[in-house]
């Protein structure tokens, strides 16, 4: 089975999404149509310090 064909369980996916930074990274990637770099993601996460642990903005 190739990497593109591998699937993860729903439980694993939900466990991965319990981490706030992972959710923020996924949101950023999903919202950026022209791509993003690791440096841009880092800057975005540094600027996201005003987020509650549940992902809401202060």
C-alpha atoms as a PDB file:
ATOM      1  CA  UNK A   1       0.000   0.000   0.000  1.00  0.00           C
ATOM      2  CA  UNK A   2       1.443   3.402  -0.970  1.00  0.00           C
ATOM      3  CA  UNK A   3       1.495   6.395   1.373  1.00  0.00           C
ATOM      4  CA  UNK A   4      -1.309   8.079  -0.530  1.00  0.00           C
ATOM      5  CA  UNK A   5      -3.520   5.041  -0.022  1.00  0.00           C
ATOM      6  CA  UNK A   6      -2.963   4.689   3.718  1.00  0.00           C
ATOM      7  CA  UNK A   7      -5.881   5.630   5.923  1.00  0.00           C
ATOM      8  CA  UNK A   8      -5.962   6.405   9.596  1.00  0.00           C
ATOM      9  CA  UNK A   9      -8.710   5.521  11.987  1.00  0.00           C
ATOM     10  CA  UNK A  10     -11.204   8.140  13.088  1.00  0.00           C
ATOM     11  CA  UNK A  11      -9.896   7.747  16.625  1.00  0.00           C
ATOM     12  CA  UNK A  12      -6.331   8.532  15.496  1.00  0.00           C
ATOM     13  CA  UNK A  13      -7.489  11.559  13.495  1.00  0.00           C
ATOM     14  CA  UNK A  14      -9.434  12.957  16.437  1.00  0.00           C
ATOM     15  CA  UNK A  15      -6.517  12.341  18.790  1.00  0.00           C
ATOM     16  CA  UNK A  16      -4.229  14.307  16.460  1.00  0.00           C
ATOM     17  CA  UNK A  17      -6.698  17.197  16.401  1.00  0.00           C
ATOM     18  CA  UNK A  18      -6.770  17.535  20.186  1.00  0.00           C
ATOM     19  CA  UNK A  19      -3.552  19.556  19.937  1.00  0.00           C
ATOM     20  CA  UNK A  20      -4.242  23.281  19.421  1.00  0.00           C
ATOM     21  CA  UNK A  21      -1.152  23.933  17.300  1.00  0.00           C
ATOM     22  CA  UNK A  22      -2.007  21.049  14.974  1.00  0.00           C
ATOM     23  CA  UNK A  23      -5.503  22.482  14.464  1.00  0.00           C
ATOM     24  CA  UNK A  24      -4.050  25.924  13.753  1.00  0.00           C
ATOM     25  CA  UNK A  25      -1.616  24.473  11.211  1.00  0.00           C
ATOM     26  CA  UNK A  26      -4.402  22.584   9.460  1.00  0.00           C
ATOM     27  CA  UNK A  27      -6.593  25.702   9.395  1.00  0.00           C
ATOM     28  CA  UNK A  28      -3.758  27.784   7.952  1.00  0.00           C
ATOM     29  CA  UNK A  29      -2.981  25.216   5.251  1.00  0.00           C
ATOM     30  CA  UNK A  30      -6.668  24.838   4.377  1.00  0.00           C
ATOM     31  CA  UNK A  31      -7.182  28.626   4.216  1.00  0.00           C
ATOM     32  CA  UNK A  32      -4.067  29.346   2.125  1.00  0.00           C
ATOM     33  CA  UNK A  33      -4.842  28.616  -1.509  1.00  0.00           C
ATOM     34  CA  UNK A  34      -1.370  29.479  -2.845  1.00  0.00           C
ATOM     35  CA  UNK A  35       0.558  27.331  -0.359  1.00  0.00           C
ATOM     36  CA  UNK A  36       2.587  28.190   2.697  1.00  0.00           C
ATOM     37  CA  UNK A  37       6.098  27.647   3.997  1.00  0.00           C
ATOM     38  CA  UNK A  38       7.349  26.383   7.335  1.00  0.00           C
ATOM     39  CA  UNK A  39       8.540  29.924   8.116  1.00  0.00           C
ATOM     40  CA  UNK A  40       5.078  31.327   7.347  1.00  0.00           C
ATOM     41  CA  UNK A  41       3.457  28.673   9.539  1.00  0.00           C
ATOM     42  CA  UNK A  42       5.883  29.503  12.350  1.00  0.00           C
ATOM     43  CA  UNK A  43       5.073  33.203  12.101  1.00  0.00           C
ATOM     44  CA  UNK A  44       1.364  32.414  12.058  1.00  0.00           C
ATOM     45  CA  UNK A  45       1.648  30.248  15.174  1.00  0.00           C
ATOM     46  CA  UNK A  46       3.685  32.890  16.998  1.00  0.00           C
ATOM     47  CA  UNK A  47       0.995  35.426  16.182  1.00  0.00           C
ATOM     48  CA  UNK A  48      -1.703  33.042  17.377  1.00  0.00           C
ATOM     49  CA  UNK A  49      -0.781  33.448  21.055  1.00  0.00           C
ATOM     50  CA  UNK A  50      -4.100  35.213  21.575  1.00  0.00           C
ATOM     51  CA  UNK A  51      -6.011  31.940  21.116  1.00  0.00           C
ATOM     52  CA  UNK A  52      -7.690  30.047  23.937  1.00  0.00           C
ATOM     53  CA  UNK A  53      -6.767  26.370  24.250  1.00  0.00           C
ATOM     54  CA  UNK A  54     -10.140  25.527  22.694  1.00  0.00           C
ATOM     55  CA  UNK A  55      -9.177  27.487  19.545  1.00  0.00           C
ATOM     56  CA  UNK A  56     -11.316  30.582  20.093  1.00  0.00           C
ATOM     57  CA  UNK A  57      -9.827  34.070  19.798  1.00  0.00           C
ATOM     58  CA  UNK A  58      -9.446  36.224  22.899  1.00  0.00           C
END
